[in-house]
């Protein structure tokens, strides 16, 4: 009887050992390991921004510089002039001009009424710039190459310019300007006729302008 009891006890111990071994094997199976180590999957609607989205958000927005280009015509005593101007900048800007110059009456000593070219470079200040109206003041140099008279003849002036414009739309506007010469070389006599008579020492212009406004 004692032997039978000992045999049953050994069988129970063996059975308990087998059950514990199977339990440990099931806990260490690859499927259970995956469930324990795999991170929880987030809903795409609740997930934060991706790396590319965050990089795009962190990048500063690039804006172009304001610029405008215009076509203008000048009127002066016994002269006519027309050409282009360009402005690059916002409140303080660089302004460039280029025009062709004619005499309204051909001088007897010349074969043509064409006199030459004008080039201007200015520092332009626009203290009053609204959606429809703009007022500018500029100071710079007017350079006249009078190659219609003589191939190497040039005249230079320190010019002060005031202008006002009205923007018909966001891109197109009309403007007018008036300029005077603070200093000038001897051959550039603004406000004097060819006969030596005095005239208004102001050069006026009217024109149209297109702008790129970010």
N, C-alpha and C. Protein backbone atom coordinates (compact mmCIF):
# COMPACT_ATOMS: atom_id res chain seq x y z
N UNK A 1 0.83 -1.20 0.00
CA UNK A 1 0.00 0.00 0.00
C UNK A 1 0.86 1.25 0.00
N UNK A 2 1.91 1.18 0.79
CA UNK A 2 2.84 2.33 0.85
C UNK A 2 3.49 2.55 -0.49
N UNK A 3 3.83 1.48 -1.19
CA UNK A 3 4.44 1.63 -2.51
C UNK A 3 3.47 2.29 -3.48
N UNK A 4 2.20 1.92 -3.40
CA UNK A 4 1.20 2.51 -4.31
C UNK A 4 1.09 4.00 -4.06
N UNK A 5 1.08 4.39 -2.77
CA UNK A 5 0.97 5.82 -2.45
C UNK A 5 2.15 6.59 -2.96
N UNK A 6 3.37 5.97 -2.76
CA UNK A 6 4.56 6.66 -3.24
C UNK A 6 4.52 6.80 -4.75
N UNK A 7 4.04 5.76 -5.45
CA UNK A 7 3.93 5.82 -6.91
C UNK A 7 2.97 6.90 -7.37
N UNK A 8 1.81 7.03 -6.68
CA UNK A 8 0.86 8.07 -7.04
C UNK A 8 1.45 9.45 -6.80
N UNK A 9 2.21 9.59 -5.68
CA UNK A 9 2.83 10.90 -5.39
C UNK A 9 3.84 11.27 -6.45
N UNK A 10 4.63 10.28 -6.89
CA UNK A 10 5.63 10.58 -7.94
C UNK A 10 4.95 10.94 -9.24
N UNK A 11 3.85 10.25 -9.55
CA UNK A 11 3.12 10.55 -10.79
C UNK A 11 2.55 11.96 -10.75
N UNK A 12 2.00 12.38 -9.59
CA UNK A 12 1.44 13.74 -9.46
C UNK A 12 2.52 14.78 -9.61
N UNK A 13 3.70 14.51 -9.00
CA UNK A 13 4.80 15.47 -9.12
C UNK A 13 5.27 15.60 -10.56
N UNK A 14 5.33 14.47 -11.27
CA UNK A 14 5.74 14.50 -12.67
C UNK A 14 4.74 15.27 -13.52
N UNK A 15 3.44 15.06 -13.25
CA UNK A 15 2.40 15.75 -14.00
C UNK A 15 2.47 17.26 -13.76
N UNK A 16 2.70 17.66 -12.51
CA UNK A 16 2.81 19.08 -12.20
C UNK A 16 4.01 19.70 -12.90
N UNK A 17 5.12 18.96 -12.96
CA UNK A 17 6.32 19.46 -13.64
C UNK A 17 6.06 19.67 -15.14
N UNK A 18 5.36 18.69 -15.75
CA UNK A 18 5.05 18.80 -17.19
C UNK A 18 4.17 20.01 -17.46
N UNK A 19 3.16 20.24 -16.61
CA UNK A 19 2.25 21.39 -16.81
C UNK A 19 3.01 22.69 -16.70
N UNK A 20 3.91 22.81 -15.72
CA UNK A 20 4.67 24.05 -15.56
C UNK A 20 5.59 24.31 -16.74
N UNK A 21 6.19 23.27 -17.28
CA UNK A 21 7.08 23.43 -18.45
C UNK A 21 6.28 23.92 -19.65
N UNK A 22 5.09 23.36 -19.89
CA UNK A 22 4.26 23.79 -21.02
C UNK A 22 3.81 25.25 -20.85
N UNK A 23 3.52 25.64 -19.61
CA UNK A 23 3.10 27.03 -19.38
C UNK A 23 4.22 28.00 -19.71
N UNK A 24 5.46 27.64 -19.28
CA UNK A 24 6.59 28.54 -19.60
C UNK A 24 6.85 28.58 -21.10
N UNK A 25 6.71 27.52 -21.78
CA UNK A 25 6.93 27.50 -23.24
C UNK A 25 5.91 28.35 -23.96
N UNK A 26 4.65 28.33 -23.48
CA UNK A 26 3.63 29.14 -24.11
C UNK A 26 3.88 30.63 -23.90
N UNK A 27 4.39 31.03 -22.70
CA UNK A 27 4.68 32.44 -22.43
C UNK A 27 5.82 32.95 -23.29
N UNK A 28 6.79 32.08 -23.62
CA UNK A 28 7.94 32.52 -24.41
C UNK A 28 7.77 32.30 -25.90
N UNK A 29 6.58 32.00 -26.37
CA UNK A 29 6.36 31.78 -27.80
C UNK A 29 6.50 33.09 -28.56
N UNK A 30 6.90 33.10 -29.87
CA UNK A 30 7.08 34.33 -30.67
C UNK A 30 5.84 35.18 -30.74
N UNK A 31 4.65 34.56 -30.76
CA UNK A 31 3.43 35.34 -30.87
C UNK A 31 3.23 36.20 -29.63
N UNK A 32 3.48 35.57 -28.41
CA UNK A 32 3.30 36.32 -27.18
C UNK A 32 4.36 37.40 -27.03
N UNK A 33 5.60 37.09 -27.48
CA UNK A 33 6.66 38.10 -27.41
C UNK A 33 6.31 39.30 -28.27
N UNK A 34 5.72 39.09 -29.46
CA UNK A 34 5.34 40.21 -30.34
C UNK A 34 4.31 41.11 -29.67
N UNK A 35 3.29 40.44 -29.02
CA UNK A 35 2.25 41.23 -28.37
C UNK A 35 2.80 42.03 -27.19
N UNK A 36 3.87 41.51 -26.56
CA UNK A 36 4.42 42.22 -25.42
C UNK A 36 5.32 43.39 -25.83
N UNK A 37 6.07 43.21 -26.93
CA UNK A 37 7.06 44.23 -27.31
C UNK A 37 6.58 45.20 -28.37
N UNK A 38 5.57 44.85 -29.16
CA UNK A 38 5.13 45.73 -30.24
C UNK A 38 4.46 46.97 -29.66
N UNK A 39 4.82 48.19 -30.14
CA UNK A 39 4.19 49.41 -29.63
C UNK A 39 2.76 49.51 -30.09
N UNK A 40 1.97 50.19 -29.34
CA UNK A 40 0.56 50.34 -29.76
C UNK A 40 0.47 51.16 -31.04
N UNK A 41 -0.45 50.76 -31.91
CA UNK A 41 -0.67 51.44 -33.19
C UNK A 41 -1.62 52.60 -32.96
N UNK A 42 -1.16 53.82 -33.39
CA UNK A 42 -2.01 54.99 -33.23
C UNK A 42 -2.88 55.19 -34.45
N UNK A 43 -4.03 55.71 -34.19
CA UNK A 43 -4.91 56.08 -35.29
C UNK A 43 -4.29 57.22 -36.07
N UNK A 44 -4.29 57.13 -37.43
CA UNK A 44 -3.67 58.17 -38.26
C UNK A 44 -4.32 59.52 -38.06
N UNK A 45 -5.60 59.52 -37.69
CA UNK A 45 -6.28 60.79 -37.48
C UNK A 45 -5.81 61.47 -36.20
N UNK A 46 -5.34 60.63 -35.18
CA UNK A 46 -4.90 61.19 -33.92
C UNK A 46 -3.39 61.35 -33.86
N UNK A 47 -2.68 60.77 -34.83
CA UNK A 47 -1.22 60.85 -34.80
C UNK A 47 -0.76 62.26 -35.09
N UNK A 48 0.42 62.60 -34.55
CA UNK A 48 0.99 63.92 -34.76
C UNK A 48 1.54 64.06 -36.17
N UNK A 49 2.10 65.23 -36.53
CA UNK A 49 2.65 65.46 -37.86
C UNK A 49 3.87 64.59 -38.11
N UNK A 50 4.03 64.18 -39.36
CA UNK A 50 5.18 63.39 -39.75
C UNK A 50 6.41 64.27 -39.80
N UNK A 51 7.57 63.61 -39.99
CA UNK A 51 8.83 64.36 -40.03
C UNK A 51 8.84 65.35 -41.18
N UNK A 52 8.36 64.93 -42.36
CA UNK A 52 8.35 65.84 -43.52
C UNK A 52 7.40 67.00 -43.29
N UNK A 53 6.24 66.73 -42.65
CA UNK A 53 5.30 67.82 -42.37
C UNK A 53 5.89 68.80 -41.37
N UNK A 54 6.58 68.27 -40.34
CA UNK A 54 7.19 69.14 -39.35
C UNK A 54 8.30 69.98 -39.96
N UNK A 55 9.09 69.38 -40.89
CA UNK A 55 10.17 70.13 -41.57
C UNK A 55 9.60 71.24 -42.42
N UNK A 56 8.51 70.95 -43.14
CA UNK A 56 7.89 71.99 -43.97
C UNK A 56 7.33 73.11 -43.12
N UNK A 57 6.81 72.74 -41.92
CA UNK A 57 6.26 73.77 -41.05
C UNK A 57 7.34 74.66 -40.47
N UNK A 58 8.51 74.05 -40.19
CA UNK A 58 9.61 74.81 -39.58
C UNK A 58 10.32 75.72 -40.56
N UNK A 59 10.18 75.47 -41.87
CA UNK A 59 10.87 76.29 -42.84
C UNK A 59 10.25 77.68 -42.92
N UNK A 60 11.08 78.76 -42.94
CA UNK A 60 10.52 80.11 -43.07
C UNK A 60 9.93 80.34 -44.43
N UNK A 61 8.84 81.09 -44.48
CA UNK A 61 8.22 81.40 -45.75
C UNK A 61 9.08 82.40 -46.52
N UNK A 62 9.30 82.12 -47.80
CA UNK A 62 10.11 82.98 -48.63
C UNK A 62 9.20 83.92 -49.42
N UNK A 63 9.45 85.21 -49.31
CA UNK A 63 8.64 86.19 -50.02
C UNK A 63 9.53 86.98 -50.95
N UNK A 64 9.01 87.30 -52.11
CA UNK A 64 9.77 88.06 -53.09
C UNK A 64 9.78 89.53 -52.72
N UNK A 65 10.80 90.24 -53.22
CA UNK A 65 10.92 91.66 -52.94
C UNK A 65 9.97 92.44 -53.84
N UNK A 66 9.31 93.46 -53.31
CA UNK A 66 8.43 94.28 -54.15
C UNK A 66 9.22 94.94 -55.28
N UNK A 67 8.62 94.97 -56.45
CA UNK A 67 9.28 95.57 -57.62
C UNK A 67 8.21 96.13 -58.55
N UNK A 68 8.61 97.13 -59.33
CA UNK A 68 7.69 97.71 -60.31
C UNK A 68 8.49 98.18 -61.52
N UNK A 69 7.82 98.24 -62.66
CA UNK A 69 8.43 98.74 -63.88
C UNK A 69 7.40 99.63 -64.57
N UNK A 70 7.88 100.75 -65.12
CA UNK A 70 6.97 101.72 -65.71
C UNK A 70 7.44 102.23 -67.05
N UNK A 71 6.50 102.76 -67.80
CA UNK A 71 6.74 103.42 -69.08
C UNK A 71 6.33 104.87 -68.90
N UNK A 72 7.26 105.82 -69.15
CA UNK A 72 6.97 107.22 -68.87
C UNK A 72 7.43 108.12 -70.01
N UNK A 73 6.77 109.27 -70.09
CA UNK A 73 7.10 110.30 -71.08
C UNK A 73 7.32 111.61 -70.36
N UNK A 74 8.41 112.32 -70.73
CA UNK A 74 8.76 113.59 -70.11
C UNK A 74 8.43 114.75 -71.05
N UNK A 75 8.19 115.89 -70.46
CA UNK A 75 8.05 117.12 -71.23
C UNK A 75 8.98 118.16 -70.64
N UNK A 76 9.73 118.84 -71.49
CA UNK A 76 10.64 119.90 -71.07
C UNK A 76 10.67 120.95 -72.15
N UNK A 77 11.24 122.08 -71.85
CA UNK A 77 11.30 123.18 -72.80
C UNK A 77 12.07 122.77 -74.05
N UNK A 78 11.37 122.75 -75.18
CA UNK A 78 11.92 122.45 -76.50
C UNK A 78 12.53 121.06 -76.59
N UNK A 79 12.13 120.17 -75.68
CA UNK A 79 12.65 118.80 -75.70
C UNK A 79 11.53 117.83 -75.35
N UNK A 80 11.71 116.58 -75.80
CA UNK A 80 10.79 115.49 -75.46
C UNK A 80 11.62 114.25 -75.13
N UNK A 81 11.14 113.49 -74.16
CA UNK A 81 11.92 112.34 -73.69
C UNK A 81 10.97 111.25 -73.22
N UNK A 82 11.30 110.01 -73.51
CA UNK A 82 10.47 108.89 -73.09
C UNK A 82 11.30 107.65 -72.86
N UNK A 83 10.86 106.81 -71.92
CA UNK A 83 11.61 105.59 -71.64
C UNK A 83 11.00 104.77 -70.53
N UNK A 84 11.85 103.99 -69.87
CA UNK A 84 11.43 103.04 -68.84
C UNK A 84 12.02 103.44 -67.50
N UNK A 85 11.33 103.03 -66.43
CA UNK A 85 11.90 103.13 -65.10
C UNK A 85 11.57 101.86 -64.34
N UNK A 86 12.41 101.52 -63.38
CA UNK A 86 12.21 100.32 -62.57
C UNK A 86 12.52 100.66 -61.12
N UNK A 87 11.72 100.09 -60.22
CA UNK A 87 11.89 100.32 -58.78
C UNK A 87 11.97 98.98 -58.08
N UNK A 88 13.01 98.79 -57.26
CA UNK A 88 13.22 97.53 -56.57
C UNK A 88 13.36 97.80 -55.07
N UNK A 89 12.35 97.39 -54.30
CA UNK A 89 12.37 97.60 -52.86
C UNK A 89 11.00 97.99 -52.35
N UNK A 90 10.93 98.20 -51.05
CA UNK A 90 9.65 98.52 -50.41
C UNK A 90 9.60 100.00 -50.04
N UNK A 91 9.77 100.34 -48.78
CA UNK A 91 9.74 101.74 -48.38
C UNK A 91 10.97 102.47 -48.90
N UNK A 92 12.15 101.86 -48.76
CA UNK A 92 13.38 102.39 -49.33
C UNK A 92 13.77 101.49 -50.49
N UNK A 93 14.01 102.09 -51.67
CA UNK A 93 14.21 101.28 -52.86
C UNK A 93 15.27 101.88 -53.77
N UNK A 94 15.76 101.05 -54.66
CA UNK A 94 16.65 101.48 -55.73
C UNK A 94 15.80 101.74 -56.97
N UNK A 95 15.98 102.89 -57.58
CA UNK A 95 15.21 103.25 -58.77
C UNK A 95 16.16 103.52 -59.93
N UNK A 96 15.85 102.94 -61.08
CA UNK A 96 16.67 103.09 -62.28
C UNK A 96 15.80 103.61 -63.42
N UNK A 97 16.40 104.43 -64.29
CA UNK A 97 15.68 104.99 -65.43
C UNK A 97 16.55 104.91 -66.68
N UNK A 98 15.89 104.81 -67.81
CA UNK A 98 16.56 104.88 -69.11
C UNK A 98 15.61 105.45 -70.14
N UNK A 99 16.04 106.51 -70.83
CA UNK A 99 15.15 107.20 -71.78
C UNK A 99 15.94 107.67 -73.00
N UNK A 100 15.19 108.02 -74.04
CA UNK A 100 15.74 108.63 -75.25
C UNK A 100 15.26 110.07 -75.34
N UNK A 101 16.11 110.94 -75.88
CA UNK A 101 15.87 112.38 -75.84
C UNK A 101 15.90 112.97 -77.25
N UNK A 102 14.87 113.79 -77.54
CA UNK A 102 14.78 114.49 -78.82
C UNK A 102 14.58 115.99 -78.59
N UNK A 103 14.95 116.78 -79.57
CA UNK A 103 14.57 118.20 -79.61
C UNK A 103 13.24 118.30 -80.35
N UNK A 104 12.33 119.12 -79.81
CA UNK A 104 11.03 119.25 -80.45
C UNK A 104 11.14 119.97 -81.81
N UNK A 105 12.20 120.75 -81.97
CA UNK A 105 12.51 121.35 -83.27
C UNK A 105 13.97 121.06 -83.59
N UNK A 106 14.23 120.54 -84.77
CA UNK A 106 15.60 120.15 -85.11
C UNK A 106 16.50 121.37 -85.17
N UNK A 107 17.59 121.37 -84.40
CA UNK A 107 18.54 122.49 -84.48
C UNK A 107 19.17 122.56 -85.87
N UNK A 108 19.42 123.78 -86.32
CA UNK A 108 19.98 123.97 -87.67
C UNK A 108 21.34 123.32 -87.81
N UNK A 109 22.12 123.25 -86.71
CA UNK A 109 23.47 122.70 -86.80
C UNK A 109 23.52 121.18 -86.74
N UNK A 110 22.35 120.53 -86.55
CA UNK A 110 22.33 119.07 -86.45
C UNK A 110 21.56 118.47 -87.62
N UNK A 111 21.93 117.24 -87.94
CA UNK A 111 21.26 116.54 -89.03
C UNK A 111 19.97 115.87 -88.58
N UNK A 112 19.77 115.74 -87.28
CA UNK A 112 18.60 115.05 -86.76
C UNK A 112 18.15 115.73 -85.48
N UNK A 113 16.88 115.53 -85.15
CA UNK A 113 16.35 116.05 -83.89
C UNK A 113 16.70 115.15 -82.71
N UNK A 114 17.22 113.97 -82.97
CA UNK A 114 17.59 113.05 -81.89
C UNK A 114 18.86 113.55 -81.20
N UNK A 115 18.82 113.61 -79.85
CA UNK A 115 19.95 114.17 -79.10
C UNK A 115 20.78 113.11 -78.38
N UNK A 116 20.12 112.10 -77.79
CA UNK A 116 20.89 111.09 -77.06
C UNK A 116 20.05 110.33 -76.07
N UNK A 117 20.67 109.93 -74.97
CA UNK A 117 20.02 109.07 -73.98
C UNK A 117 20.19 109.64 -72.58
N UNK A 118 19.25 109.31 -71.73
CA UNK A 118 19.30 109.67 -70.33
C UNK A 118 19.28 108.40 -69.49
N UNK A 119 20.14 108.35 -68.46
CA UNK A 119 20.15 107.26 -67.51
C UNK A 119 20.08 107.85 -66.11
N UNK A 120 19.23 107.29 -65.27
CA UNK A 120 19.08 107.78 -63.91
C UNK A 120 19.24 106.67 -62.90
N UNK A 121 19.87 107.00 -61.77
CA UNK A 121 19.98 106.06 -60.65
C UNK A 121 19.67 106.84 -59.37
N UNK A 122 18.73 106.31 -58.57
CA UNK A 122 18.21 107.06 -57.42
C UNK A 122 18.03 106.15 -56.22
N UNK A 123 18.10 106.77 -55.05
CA UNK A 123 17.58 106.17 -53.82
C UNK A 123 16.18 106.73 -53.62
N UNK A 124 15.20 105.83 -53.57
CA UNK A 124 13.79 106.24 -53.56
C UNK A 124 13.16 105.91 -52.22
N UNK A 125 12.44 106.87 -51.68
CA UNK A 125 11.75 106.71 -50.40
C UNK A 125 10.24 106.87 -50.63
N UNK A 126 9.49 105.86 -50.17
CA UNK A 126 8.02 105.90 -50.29
C UNK A 126 7.40 105.91 -48.90
N UNK A 127 7.33 107.06 -48.24
CA UNK A 127 6.80 107.12 -46.87
C UNK A 127 5.30 106.93 -46.80
N UNK A 128 4.61 107.14 -47.92
CA UNK A 128 3.14 107.02 -47.92
C UNK A 128 2.75 106.08 -49.05
N UNK A 129 2.50 104.82 -48.67
CA UNK A 129 2.18 103.79 -49.65
C UNK A 129 0.93 103.06 -49.17
N UNK A 130 -0.20 103.39 -49.79
CA UNK A 130 -1.46 102.76 -49.44
C UNK A 130 -1.89 101.82 -50.56
N UNK A 131 -3.05 101.24 -50.38
CA UNK A 131 -3.54 100.28 -51.36
C UNK A 131 -3.71 100.91 -52.73
N UNK A 132 -4.15 102.18 -52.77
CA UNK A 132 -4.40 102.83 -54.05
C UNK A 132 -3.48 104.00 -54.33
N UNK A 133 -2.93 104.63 -53.30
CA UNK A 133 -2.11 105.82 -53.50
C UNK A 133 -0.68 105.57 -53.03
N UNK A 134 0.27 106.17 -53.74
CA UNK A 134 1.67 106.06 -53.36
C UNK A 134 2.38 107.38 -53.67
N UNK A 135 3.16 107.84 -52.70
CA UNK A 135 3.95 109.07 -52.86
C UNK A 135 5.42 108.72 -52.66
N UNK A 136 6.29 109.18 -53.57
CA UNK A 136 7.72 108.87 -53.53
C UNK A 136 8.54 110.15 -53.57
N UNK A 137 9.71 110.07 -52.93
CA UNK A 137 10.72 111.12 -53.04
C UNK A 137 12.05 110.43 -53.33
N UNK A 138 12.78 110.95 -54.30
CA UNK A 138 14.02 110.30 -54.71
C UNK A 138 15.13 111.33 -54.88
N UNK A 139 16.36 110.88 -54.62
CA UNK A 139 17.54 111.71 -54.81
C UNK A 139 18.60 110.86 -55.50
N UNK A 140 19.15 111.39 -56.57
CA UNK A 140 20.14 110.61 -57.30
C UNK A 140 20.76 111.39 -58.43
N UNK A 141 21.22 110.69 -59.45
CA UNK A 141 21.95 111.30 -60.55
C UNK A 141 21.23 111.05 -61.87
N UNK A 142 21.15 112.11 -62.67
CA UNK A 142 20.73 112.01 -64.07
C UNK A 142 21.98 112.15 -64.95
N UNK A 143 22.19 111.20 -65.83
CA UNK A 143 23.35 111.22 -66.72
C UNK A 143 22.84 111.24 -68.16
N UNK A 144 23.25 112.23 -68.89
CA UNK A 144 22.83 112.38 -70.30
C UNK A 144 24.04 112.12 -71.21
N UNK A 145 23.90 111.11 -72.05
CA UNK A 145 24.90 110.85 -73.09
C UNK A 145 24.34 111.43 -74.39
N UNK A 146 24.86 112.56 -74.80
CA UNK A 146 24.32 113.27 -75.98
C UNK A 146 25.09 112.85 -77.23
N UNK A 147 25.02 111.58 -77.54
CA UNK A 147 25.77 111.06 -78.68
C UNK A 147 25.10 111.41 -80.00
N UNK A 148 23.88 111.96 -79.96
CA UNK A 148 23.30 112.48 -81.19
C UNK A 148 23.94 113.79 -81.61
N UNK A 149 24.55 114.48 -80.63
CA UNK A 149 25.26 115.73 -80.92
C UNK A 149 26.74 115.47 -81.12
N UNK A 150 27.32 114.74 -80.16
CA UNK A 150 28.74 114.39 -80.25
C UNK A 150 28.95 113.06 -79.55
N UNK A 151 29.81 112.23 -80.09
CA UNK A 151 29.95 110.86 -79.59
C UNK A 151 30.37 110.74 -78.15
N UNK A 152 31.18 111.68 -77.63
CA UNK A 152 31.67 111.54 -76.26
C UNK A 152 31.15 112.65 -75.34
N UNK A 153 30.05 113.27 -75.69
CA UNK A 153 29.51 114.37 -74.88
C UNK A 153 28.56 113.80 -73.82
N UNK A 154 28.83 114.15 -72.55
CA UNK A 154 28.00 113.68 -71.44
C UNK A 154 27.77 114.83 -70.47
N UNK A 155 26.57 114.88 -69.92
CA UNK A 155 26.21 115.88 -68.92
C UNK A 155 25.63 115.15 -67.71
N UNK A 156 25.91 115.67 -66.50
CA UNK A 156 25.51 115.00 -65.26
C UNK A 156 24.83 116.01 -64.35
N UNK A 157 23.80 115.54 -63.62
CA UNK A 157 23.09 116.42 -62.68
C UNK A 157 22.71 115.65 -61.43
N UNK A 158 22.74 116.34 -60.31
CA UNK A 158 22.18 115.81 -59.06
C UNK A 158 20.70 116.18 -59.04
N UNK A 159 19.84 115.17 -59.08
CA UNK A 159 18.41 115.39 -59.27
C UNK A 159 17.62 115.05 -58.02
N UNK A 160 16.59 115.86 -57.76
CA UNK A 160 15.61 115.58 -56.72
C UNK A 160 14.26 115.39 -57.40
N UNK A 161 13.59 114.28 -57.09
CA UNK A 161 12.36 113.90 -57.80
C UNK A 161 11.24 113.64 -56.79
N UNK A 162 10.07 114.18 -57.09
CA UNK A 162 8.87 113.85 -56.33
C UNK A 162 7.84 113.25 -57.27
N UNK A 163 7.17 112.19 -56.83
CA UNK A 163 6.18 111.54 -57.70
C UNK A 163 5.00 111.05 -56.88
N UNK A 164 3.88 110.89 -57.55
CA UNK A 164 2.66 110.36 -56.93
C UNK A 164 1.99 109.42 -57.92
N UNK A 165 1.44 108.33 -57.41
CA UNK A 165 0.79 107.35 -58.27
C UNK A 165 -0.54 106.90 -57.71
N UNK A 166 -1.41 106.49 -58.61
CA UNK A 166 -2.72 105.94 -58.25
C UNK A 166 -2.84 104.56 -58.88
N UNK A 167 -3.08 103.53 -58.03
CA UNK A 167 -3.17 102.15 -58.51
C UNK A 167 -4.61 101.84 -58.89
N UNK A 168 -4.82 101.67 -60.18
CA UNK A 168 -6.14 101.34 -60.70
C UNK A 168 -6.56 99.94 -60.27
N UNK A 169 -5.58 99.03 -60.21
CA UNK A 169 -5.81 97.66 -59.75
C UNK A 169 -4.64 97.28 -58.85
N UNK A 170 -4.60 96.02 -58.42
CA UNK A 170 -3.50 95.58 -57.57
C UNK A 170 -2.16 95.61 -58.31
N UNK A 171 -2.19 95.54 -59.64
CA UNK A 171 -0.95 95.45 -60.41
C UNK A 171 -0.66 96.66 -61.28
N UNK A 172 -1.68 97.40 -61.72
CA UNK A 172 -1.48 98.48 -62.68
C UNK A 172 -1.87 99.83 -62.08
N UNK A 173 -1.05 100.84 -62.42
CA UNK A 173 -1.34 102.18 -61.93
C UNK A 173 -0.81 103.25 -62.87
N UNK A 174 -1.20 104.49 -62.59
CA UNK A 174 -0.71 105.64 -63.33
C UNK A 174 0.04 106.55 -62.36
N UNK A 175 1.01 107.30 -62.87
CA UNK A 175 1.81 108.14 -61.98
C UNK A 175 2.31 109.36 -62.73
N UNK A 176 2.70 110.34 -61.97
CA UNK A 176 3.32 111.54 -62.50
C UNK A 176 4.45 111.97 -61.60
N UNK A 177 5.43 112.68 -62.17
CA UNK A 177 6.57 113.11 -61.38
C UNK A 177 7.05 114.48 -61.85
N UNK A 178 7.79 115.11 -60.97
CA UNK A 178 8.43 116.38 -61.28
C UNK A 178 9.82 116.36 -60.67
N UNK A 179 10.82 116.82 -61.43
CA UNK A 179 12.18 116.82 -60.92
C UNK A 179 12.88 118.13 -61.19
N UNK A 180 13.78 118.45 -60.28
CA UNK A 180 14.63 119.62 -60.45
C UNK A 180 16.08 119.21 -60.22
N UNK A 181 17.00 120.02 -60.72
CA UNK A 181 18.41 119.72 -60.60
C UNK A 181 19.06 120.62 -59.56
N UNK A 182 19.57 119.99 -58.50
CA UNK A 182 20.24 120.73 -57.44
C UNK A 182 21.59 121.24 -57.93
N UNK A 183 22.33 120.38 -58.60
CA UNK A 183 23.61 120.72 -59.21
C UNK A 183 23.64 120.10 -60.60
N UNK A 184 24.33 120.74 -61.53
CA UNK A 184 24.42 120.22 -62.89
C UNK A 184 25.66 120.77 -63.58
N UNK A 185 26.16 120.04 -64.56
CA UNK A 185 27.28 120.53 -65.36
C UNK A 185 26.81 121.68 -66.25
N UNK A 186 27.77 122.42 -66.79
CA UNK A 186 27.45 123.67 -67.50
C UNK A 186 26.56 123.46 -68.72
N UNK A 187 26.71 122.34 -69.40
CA UNK A 187 25.94 122.15 -70.63
C UNK A 187 24.50 121.73 -70.41
N UNK A 188 24.15 121.41 -69.18
CA UNK A 188 22.79 120.95 -68.87
C UNK A 188 22.04 122.09 -68.20
N UNK A 189 21.30 122.84 -68.99
CA UNK A 189 20.63 124.05 -68.49
C UNK A 189 19.12 123.83 -68.49
N UNK A 190 18.65 123.14 -67.44
CA UNK A 190 17.22 122.91 -67.30
C UNK A 190 16.56 124.24 -66.96
N UNK A 191 15.54 124.62 -67.74
CA UNK A 191 14.86 125.88 -67.50
C UNK A 191 15.38 127.01 -68.35
N UNK A 192 16.14 126.68 -69.39
CA UNK A 192 16.65 127.70 -70.31
C UNK A 192 16.42 127.24 -71.74
N UNK A 193 15.86 128.06 -72.58
CA UNK A 193 15.63 127.72 -73.97
C UNK A 193 16.94 127.82 -74.74
N UNK A 194 16.90 127.32 -75.98
CA UNK A 194 18.11 127.40 -76.82
C UNK A 194 18.46 128.85 -77.13
N UNK A 195 17.49 129.72 -77.09
CA UNK A 195 17.76 131.14 -77.34
C UNK A 195 18.25 131.85 -76.09
N UNK A 196 18.35 131.12 -74.95
CA UNK A 196 18.83 131.72 -73.72
C UNK A 196 17.75 132.34 -72.86
N UNK A 197 16.51 132.16 -73.23
CA UNK A 197 15.41 132.73 -72.46
C UNK A 197 15.06 131.82 -71.28
N UNK A 198 14.67 132.38 -70.14
CA UNK A 198 14.34 131.55 -68.97
C UNK A 198 13.03 130.78 -69.17
N UNK A 199 12.96 129.62 -68.56
CA UNK A 199 11.77 128.78 -68.59
C UNK A 199 11.66 128.06 -67.25
N UNK A 200 10.58 127.33 -67.07
CA UNK A 200 10.37 126.63 -65.80
C UNK A 200 11.44 125.55 -65.63
N UNK A 201 12.23 125.61 -64.56
CA UNK A 201 13.34 124.64 -64.38
C UNK A 201 12.87 123.32 -63.78
N UNK A 202 11.85 122.75 -64.35
CA UNK A 202 11.28 121.49 -63.84
C UNK A 202 11.03 120.56 -65.01
N UNK A 203 11.35 119.29 -64.82
CA UNK A 203 11.11 118.26 -65.82
C UNK A 203 9.95 117.40 -65.33
N UNK A 204 8.84 117.41 -66.09
CA UNK A 204 7.65 116.66 -65.70
C UNK A 204 7.58 115.34 -66.47
N UNK A 205 6.87 114.38 -65.87
CA UNK A 205 6.65 113.10 -66.56
C UNK A 205 5.28 112.55 -66.18
N UNK A 206 4.72 111.77 -67.09
CA UNK A 206 3.50 110.99 -66.87
C UNK A 206 3.74 109.58 -67.38
N UNK A 207 3.11 108.59 -66.72
CA UNK A 207 3.33 107.23 -67.18
C UNK A 207 2.40 106.23 -66.56
N UNK A 208 2.61 104.98 -66.94
CA UNK A 208 1.88 103.84 -66.39
C UNK A 208 2.90 102.90 -65.76
N UNK A 209 2.45 102.12 -64.79
CA UNK A 209 3.38 101.28 -64.05
C UNK A 209 2.72 99.96 -63.68
N UNK A 210 3.53 98.89 -63.73
CA UNK A 210 3.10 97.55 -63.27
C UNK A 210 3.96 97.19 -62.07
N UNK A 211 3.33 96.55 -61.08
CA UNK A 211 4.09 96.18 -59.88
C UNK A 211 3.84 94.75 -59.47
N UNK A 212 4.83 94.18 -58.82
CA UNK A 212 4.73 92.87 -58.18
C UNK A 212 4.76 93.11 -56.69
N UNK A 213 3.62 92.92 -56.04
CA UNK A 213 3.53 93.21 -54.61
C UNK A 213 3.19 91.95 -53.85
N UNK A 214 4.18 91.38 -53.10
CA UNK A 214 3.93 90.13 -52.36
C UNK A 214 2.82 90.28 -51.33
